[in-house]
């Protein structure tokens, strides 16, 4: 387990389809990550959801993976395995969160 000062919390958001239950309940899709800044490994994640299995399934896809490197690896895995109506929103939200992570790491952790 990483020391608490070696992790950062980032969140990405996206709109979902108007007929999606997440839109009715939360007005958007949010996905959050705790990432180890030394290894770039995703330690935990959470997301807005209406069915518990959604978050468990996404956690299984993402926890333990590096969030740096080509995003198309994440995108293709989500497209291949997640076939819920929030698929596009998940991809956009992850992309935003990982972009934010890179900016934070560059600004605050470059010399570590």
N, C-alpha and C. Protein backbone atom coordinates (compact mmCIF):
# COMPACT_ATOMS: atom_id res chain seq x y z
N UNK A 1 0.84 -1.19 0.00
CA UNK A 1 0.00 0.00 0.00
C UNK A 1 0.88 1.25 0.00
N UNK A 2 0.55 2.21 -0.82
CA UNK A 2 1.33 3.44 -0.94
C UNK A 2 1.08 4.35 0.25
N UNK A 3 2.11 5.10 0.62
CA UNK A 3 1.93 6.12 1.65
C UNK A 3 0.93 7.14 1.13
N UNK A 4 0.16 7.71 2.04
CA UNK A 4 -0.92 8.63 1.64
C UNK A 4 -0.40 9.83 0.86
N UNK A 5 0.83 10.29 1.17
CA UNK A 5 1.37 11.45 0.45
C UNK A 5 1.90 11.07 -0.93
N UNK A 6 1.82 9.81 -1.29
CA UNK A 6 2.23 9.36 -2.62
C UNK A 6 1.03 9.11 -3.53
N UNK A 7 -0.16 9.50 -3.08
CA UNK A 7 -1.34 9.29 -3.91
C UNK A 7 -2.05 10.62 -4.18
N UNK A 8 -2.75 10.65 -5.31
CA UNK A 8 -3.58 11.81 -5.64
C UNK A 8 -4.97 11.31 -6.02
N UNK A 9 -5.93 12.19 -5.88
CA UNK A 9 -7.32 11.93 -6.21
C UNK A 9 -7.68 12.81 -7.40
N UNK A 10 -8.18 12.21 -8.45
CA UNK A 10 -8.63 12.96 -9.63
C UNK A 10 -10.02 12.48 -10.01
N UNK A 11 -10.75 13.36 -10.66
CA UNK A 11 -12.11 13.02 -11.06
C UNK A 11 -12.37 13.55 -12.47
N UNK A 12 -13.07 12.77 -13.25
CA UNK A 12 -13.48 13.18 -14.59
C UNK A 12 -14.99 13.08 -14.69
N UNK A 13 -15.57 13.88 -15.56
CA UNK A 13 -17.01 13.84 -15.72
C UNK A 13 -17.40 13.94 -17.18
N UNK A 14 -18.61 13.47 -17.45
CA UNK A 14 -19.13 13.50 -18.80
C UNK A 14 -20.65 13.42 -18.75
N UNK A 15 -21.28 13.84 -19.79
CA UNK A 15 -22.73 13.68 -19.92
C UNK A 15 -23.04 12.26 -20.37
N UNK A 16 -24.17 11.76 -19.94
CA UNK A 16 -24.65 10.46 -20.41
C UNK A 16 -25.86 10.69 -21.30
N UNK A 17 -26.33 9.64 -21.91
CA UNK A 17 -27.54 9.74 -22.75
C UNK A 17 -28.71 10.24 -21.93
N UNK A 18 -29.63 10.95 -22.55
CA UNK A 18 -30.77 11.49 -21.82
C UNK A 18 -31.67 10.40 -21.26
N UNK A 19 -31.67 9.22 -21.86
CA UNK A 19 -32.50 8.13 -21.36
C UNK A 19 -31.77 7.25 -20.34
N UNK A 20 -30.57 7.64 -19.94
CA UNK A 20 -29.78 6.88 -18.97
C UNK A 20 -30.23 7.22 -17.55
N UNK A 21 -30.36 6.21 -16.71
CA UNK A 21 -30.78 6.43 -15.31
C UNK A 21 -29.79 7.30 -14.55
N UNK A 22 -28.51 7.25 -14.91
CA UNK A 22 -27.51 8.09 -14.26
C UNK A 22 -27.81 9.57 -14.52
N UNK A 23 -28.25 9.89 -15.73
CA UNK A 23 -28.61 11.28 -16.06
C UNK A 23 -29.78 11.73 -15.20
N UNK A 24 -30.78 10.88 -15.05
CA UNK A 24 -31.95 11.23 -14.23
C UNK A 24 -31.56 11.47 -12.78
N UNK A 25 -30.65 10.67 -12.28
CA UNK A 25 -30.29 10.75 -10.86
C UNK A 25 -29.18 11.75 -10.56
N UNK A 26 -28.16 11.82 -11.41
CA UNK A 26 -26.98 12.64 -11.10
C UNK A 26 -26.73 13.77 -12.10
N UNK A 27 -27.39 13.78 -13.22
CA UNK A 27 -27.24 14.78 -14.27
C UNK A 27 -25.94 14.66 -15.06
N UNK A 28 -25.04 13.76 -14.65
CA UNK A 28 -23.77 13.55 -15.36
C UNK A 28 -23.16 12.26 -14.82
N UNK A 29 -22.13 11.79 -15.51
CA UNK A 29 -21.37 10.63 -15.05
C UNK A 29 -20.05 11.13 -14.49
N UNK A 30 -19.69 10.67 -13.30
CA UNK A 30 -18.43 11.03 -12.67
C UNK A 30 -17.64 9.77 -12.38
N UNK A 31 -16.35 9.82 -12.61
CA UNK A 31 -15.47 8.71 -12.25
C UNK A 31 -14.26 9.30 -11.53
N UNK A 32 -13.90 8.69 -10.40
CA UNK A 32 -12.81 9.20 -9.57
C UNK A 32 -11.76 8.11 -9.38
N UNK A 33 -10.51 8.55 -9.30
CA UNK A 33 -9.40 7.61 -9.15
C UNK A 33 -8.47 8.07 -8.03
N UNK A 34 -7.95 7.10 -7.28
CA UNK A 34 -6.81 7.33 -6.40
C UNK A 34 -5.63 6.67 -7.10
N UNK A 35 -4.59 7.47 -7.36
CA UNK A 35 -3.46 7.00 -8.16
C UNK A 35 -2.16 7.22 -7.39
N UNK A 36 -1.28 6.23 -7.42
CA UNK A 36 0.04 6.34 -6.82
C UNK A 36 0.93 7.14 -7.77
N UNK A 37 1.46 8.26 -7.29
CA UNK A 37 2.24 9.13 -8.18
C UNK A 37 3.63 8.59 -8.49
N UNK A 38 4.12 7.66 -7.74
CA UNK A 38 5.43 7.06 -8.05
C UNK A 38 5.32 6.02 -9.16
N UNK A 39 4.25 5.23 -9.12
CA UNK A 39 4.11 4.14 -10.08
C UNK A 39 3.08 4.41 -11.17
N UNK A 40 2.25 5.43 -10.99
CA UNK A 40 1.14 5.75 -11.89
C UNK A 40 0.07 4.65 -11.91
N UNK A 41 0.05 3.83 -10.88
CA UNK A 41 -0.92 2.72 -10.78
C UNK A 41 -2.20 3.22 -10.12
N UNK A 42 -3.34 2.83 -10.69
CA UNK A 42 -4.64 3.14 -10.11
C UNK A 42 -4.84 2.22 -8.90
N UNK A 43 -5.00 2.83 -7.72
CA UNK A 43 -5.18 2.07 -6.49
C UNK A 43 -6.65 1.81 -6.20
N UNK A 44 -7.50 2.75 -6.56
CA UNK A 44 -8.94 2.60 -6.31
C UNK A 44 -9.69 3.50 -7.27
N UNK A 45 -10.95 3.22 -7.45
CA UNK A 45 -11.80 4.07 -8.27
C UNK A 45 -13.22 3.94 -7.80
N UNK A 46 -14.00 4.96 -8.12
CA UNK A 46 -15.42 4.97 -7.83
C UNK A 46 -16.12 5.76 -8.92
N UNK A 47 -17.41 5.52 -9.08
CA UNK A 47 -18.15 6.24 -10.12
C UNK A 47 -19.62 6.37 -9.73
N UNK A 48 -20.29 7.31 -10.39
CA UNK A 48 -21.72 7.40 -10.22
C UNK A 48 -22.34 6.20 -10.92
N UNK A 49 -23.30 5.60 -10.28
CA UNK A 49 -23.94 4.43 -10.87
C UNK A 49 -25.31 4.21 -10.22
N UNK A 50 -26.13 3.48 -10.88
CA UNK A 50 -27.43 3.11 -10.32
C UNK A 50 -27.49 1.63 -9.97
N UNK A 51 -26.56 0.85 -10.49
CA UNK A 51 -26.49 -0.58 -10.22
C UNK A 51 -25.08 -0.87 -9.69
N UNK A 52 -24.99 -1.52 -8.54
CA UNK A 52 -23.70 -1.77 -7.89
C UNK A 52 -22.68 -2.48 -8.78
N UNK A 53 -23.13 -3.40 -9.59
CA UNK A 53 -22.19 -4.17 -10.41
C UNK A 53 -21.41 -3.27 -11.38
N UNK A 54 -21.99 -2.13 -11.75
CA UNK A 54 -21.30 -1.21 -12.66
C UNK A 54 -19.97 -0.78 -12.06
N UNK A 55 -19.99 -0.29 -10.84
CA UNK A 55 -18.75 0.16 -10.21
C UNK A 55 -17.79 -1.01 -9.97
N UNK A 56 -18.29 -2.15 -9.53
CA UNK A 56 -17.42 -3.31 -9.32
C UNK A 56 -16.76 -3.75 -10.62
N UNK A 57 -17.53 -3.76 -11.70
CA UNK A 57 -17.00 -4.17 -12.99
C UNK A 57 -15.92 -3.21 -13.47
N UNK A 58 -16.19 -1.92 -13.39
CA UNK A 58 -15.21 -0.92 -13.81
C UNK A 58 -13.96 -0.96 -12.93
N UNK A 59 -14.16 -1.18 -11.64
CA UNK A 59 -13.01 -1.29 -10.74
C UNK A 59 -12.12 -2.45 -11.19
N UNK A 60 -12.73 -3.56 -11.55
CA UNK A 60 -11.96 -4.71 -12.03
C UNK A 60 -11.20 -4.43 -13.31
N UNK A 61 -11.74 -3.55 -14.16
CA UNK A 61 -11.06 -3.18 -15.40
C UNK A 61 -9.87 -2.24 -15.16
N UNK A 62 -9.94 -1.44 -14.09
CA UNK A 62 -9.00 -0.33 -13.97
C UNK A 62 -8.01 -0.42 -12.81
N UNK A 63 -8.43 -0.93 -11.67
CA UNK A 63 -7.54 -0.96 -10.51
C UNK A 63 -6.36 -1.89 -10.81
N UNK A 64 -5.18 -1.39 -10.48
CA UNK A 64 -3.96 -2.15 -10.72
C UNK A 64 -3.29 -1.83 -12.04
N UNK A 65 -3.95 -1.02 -12.87
CA UNK A 65 -3.39 -0.66 -14.18
C UNK A 65 -2.71 0.70 -14.10
N UNK A 66 -1.74 0.92 -14.99
CA UNK A 66 -1.08 2.22 -15.12
C UNK A 66 -2.01 3.17 -15.88
N UNK A 67 -2.10 4.39 -15.41
CA UNK A 67 -2.97 5.36 -16.07
C UNK A 67 -2.20 6.26 -17.03
N UNK A 68 -0.91 6.01 -17.17
CA UNK A 68 -0.13 6.75 -18.15
C UNK A 68 0.09 5.83 -19.35
N UNK A 69 0.55 6.38 -20.40
CA UNK A 69 0.72 5.59 -21.61
C UNK A 69 -0.46 5.81 -22.54
N UNK A 70 -0.53 5.06 -23.61
CA UNK A 70 -1.58 5.27 -24.61
C UNK A 70 -2.98 5.01 -24.04
N UNK A 71 -3.84 6.01 -24.16
CA UNK A 71 -5.21 5.87 -23.64
C UNK A 71 -6.01 4.86 -24.46
N UNK A 72 -5.64 4.65 -25.70
CA UNK A 72 -6.43 3.75 -26.55
C UNK A 72 -6.47 2.32 -26.00
N UNK A 73 -5.51 1.95 -25.14
CA UNK A 73 -5.55 0.63 -24.50
C UNK A 73 -6.75 0.56 -23.55
N UNK A 74 -6.94 1.62 -22.73
CA UNK A 74 -8.10 1.69 -21.84
C UNK A 74 -9.38 1.73 -22.66
N UNK A 75 -9.38 2.60 -23.66
CA UNK A 75 -10.59 2.78 -24.47
C UNK A 75 -11.01 1.48 -25.14
N UNK A 76 -10.08 0.76 -25.73
CA UNK A 76 -10.45 -0.48 -26.42
C UNK A 76 -10.93 -1.54 -25.44
N UNK A 77 -10.35 -1.57 -24.24
CA UNK A 77 -10.80 -2.53 -23.23
C UNK A 77 -12.22 -2.20 -22.75
N UNK A 78 -12.51 -0.92 -22.56
CA UNK A 78 -13.86 -0.52 -22.17
C UNK A 78 -14.85 -0.87 -23.28
N UNK A 79 -14.49 -0.56 -24.51
CA UNK A 79 -15.38 -0.84 -25.64
C UNK A 79 -15.60 -2.35 -25.84
N UNK A 80 -14.57 -3.13 -25.59
CA UNK A 80 -14.67 -4.58 -25.77
C UNK A 80 -15.50 -5.24 -24.67
N UNK A 81 -15.42 -4.70 -23.44
CA UNK A 81 -16.01 -5.41 -22.32
C UNK A 81 -17.23 -4.76 -21.68
N UNK A 82 -17.35 -3.43 -21.74
CA UNK A 82 -18.47 -2.75 -21.09
C UNK A 82 -19.50 -2.36 -22.15
N UNK A 83 -20.68 -2.93 -22.04
CA UNK A 83 -21.71 -2.68 -23.06
C UNK A 83 -22.97 -2.07 -22.47
N UNK A 84 -22.80 -1.21 -21.45
CA UNK A 84 -23.91 -0.46 -20.90
C UNK A 84 -24.06 0.86 -21.65
N UNK A 85 -25.15 1.55 -21.38
CA UNK A 85 -25.43 2.79 -22.10
C UNK A 85 -24.48 3.94 -21.73
N UNK A 86 -23.69 3.76 -20.68
CA UNK A 86 -22.74 4.80 -20.26
C UNK A 86 -21.36 4.61 -20.86
N UNK A 87 -21.20 3.71 -21.81
CA UNK A 87 -19.87 3.38 -22.35
C UNK A 87 -19.11 4.63 -22.80
N UNK A 88 -19.71 5.46 -23.61
CA UNK A 88 -19.03 6.66 -24.13
C UNK A 88 -18.69 7.62 -22.99
N UNK A 89 -19.62 7.79 -22.04
CA UNK A 89 -19.39 8.69 -20.91
C UNK A 89 -18.22 8.20 -20.06
N UNK A 90 -18.09 6.90 -19.89
CA UNK A 90 -16.97 6.33 -19.13
C UNK A 90 -15.65 6.66 -19.82
N UNK A 91 -15.61 6.48 -21.12
CA UNK A 91 -14.38 6.75 -21.88
C UNK A 91 -13.99 8.22 -21.77
N UNK A 92 -14.95 9.11 -21.98
CA UNK A 92 -14.67 10.56 -21.91
C UNK A 92 -14.24 10.96 -20.51
N UNK A 93 -14.90 10.43 -19.49
CA UNK A 93 -14.57 10.77 -18.10
C UNK A 93 -13.18 10.28 -17.72
N UNK A 94 -12.83 9.06 -18.13
CA UNK A 94 -11.50 8.53 -17.85
C UNK A 94 -10.43 9.38 -18.53
N UNK A 95 -10.68 9.71 -19.77
CA UNK A 95 -9.72 10.52 -20.53
C UNK A 95 -9.48 11.85 -19.82
N UNK A 96 -10.55 12.48 -19.33
CA UNK A 96 -10.43 13.76 -18.62
C UNK A 96 -9.67 13.58 -17.31
N UNK A 97 -9.98 12.54 -16.55
CA UNK A 97 -9.31 12.30 -15.26
C UNK A 97 -7.82 12.03 -15.47
N UNK A 98 -7.48 11.24 -16.48
CA UNK A 98 -6.07 10.93 -16.72
C UNK A 98 -5.30 12.16 -17.23
N UNK A 99 -5.96 13.01 -18.00
CA UNK A 99 -5.34 14.27 -18.43
C UNK A 99 -5.06 15.15 -17.21
N UNK A 100 -6.04 15.23 -16.33
CA UNK A 100 -5.88 16.00 -15.10
C UNK A 100 -4.73 15.43 -14.26
N UNK A 101 -4.66 14.11 -14.17
CA UNK A 101 -3.58 13.47 -13.41
C UNK A 101 -2.21 13.86 -13.96
N UNK A 102 -2.04 13.80 -15.27
CA UNK A 102 -0.75 14.17 -15.87
C UNK A 102 -0.37 15.61 -15.53
N UNK A 103 -1.35 16.52 -15.56
CA UNK A 103 -1.08 17.92 -15.23
C UNK A 103 -0.68 18.08 -13.77
N UNK A 104 -1.36 17.40 -12.88
CA UNK A 104 -1.04 17.47 -11.45
C UNK A 104 0.35 16.91 -11.19
N UNK A 105 0.64 15.78 -11.80
CA UNK A 105 1.95 15.15 -11.59
C UNK A 105 3.06 16.05 -12.09
N UNK A 106 2.87 16.66 -13.24
CA UNK A 106 3.88 17.56 -13.79
C UNK A 106 4.07 18.78 -12.90
N UNK A 107 2.99 19.32 -12.38
CA UNK A 107 3.06 20.54 -11.58
C UNK A 107 3.62 20.30 -10.17
N UNK A 108 3.19 19.23 -9.51
CA UNK A 108 3.52 19.03 -8.10
C UNK A 108 4.53 17.92 -7.80
N UNK A 109 4.75 17.02 -8.73
CA UNK A 109 5.57 15.84 -8.43
C UNK A 109 6.73 15.65 -9.39
N UNK A 110 7.03 16.62 -10.21
CA UNK A 110 8.08 16.49 -11.22
C UNK A 110 9.44 16.17 -10.61
N UNK A 111 9.77 16.76 -9.50
CA UNK A 111 11.11 16.61 -8.91
C UNK A 111 11.17 15.55 -7.81
N UNK A 112 10.22 14.67 -7.76
CA UNK A 112 10.21 13.62 -6.71
C UNK A 112 10.82 12.37 -7.23
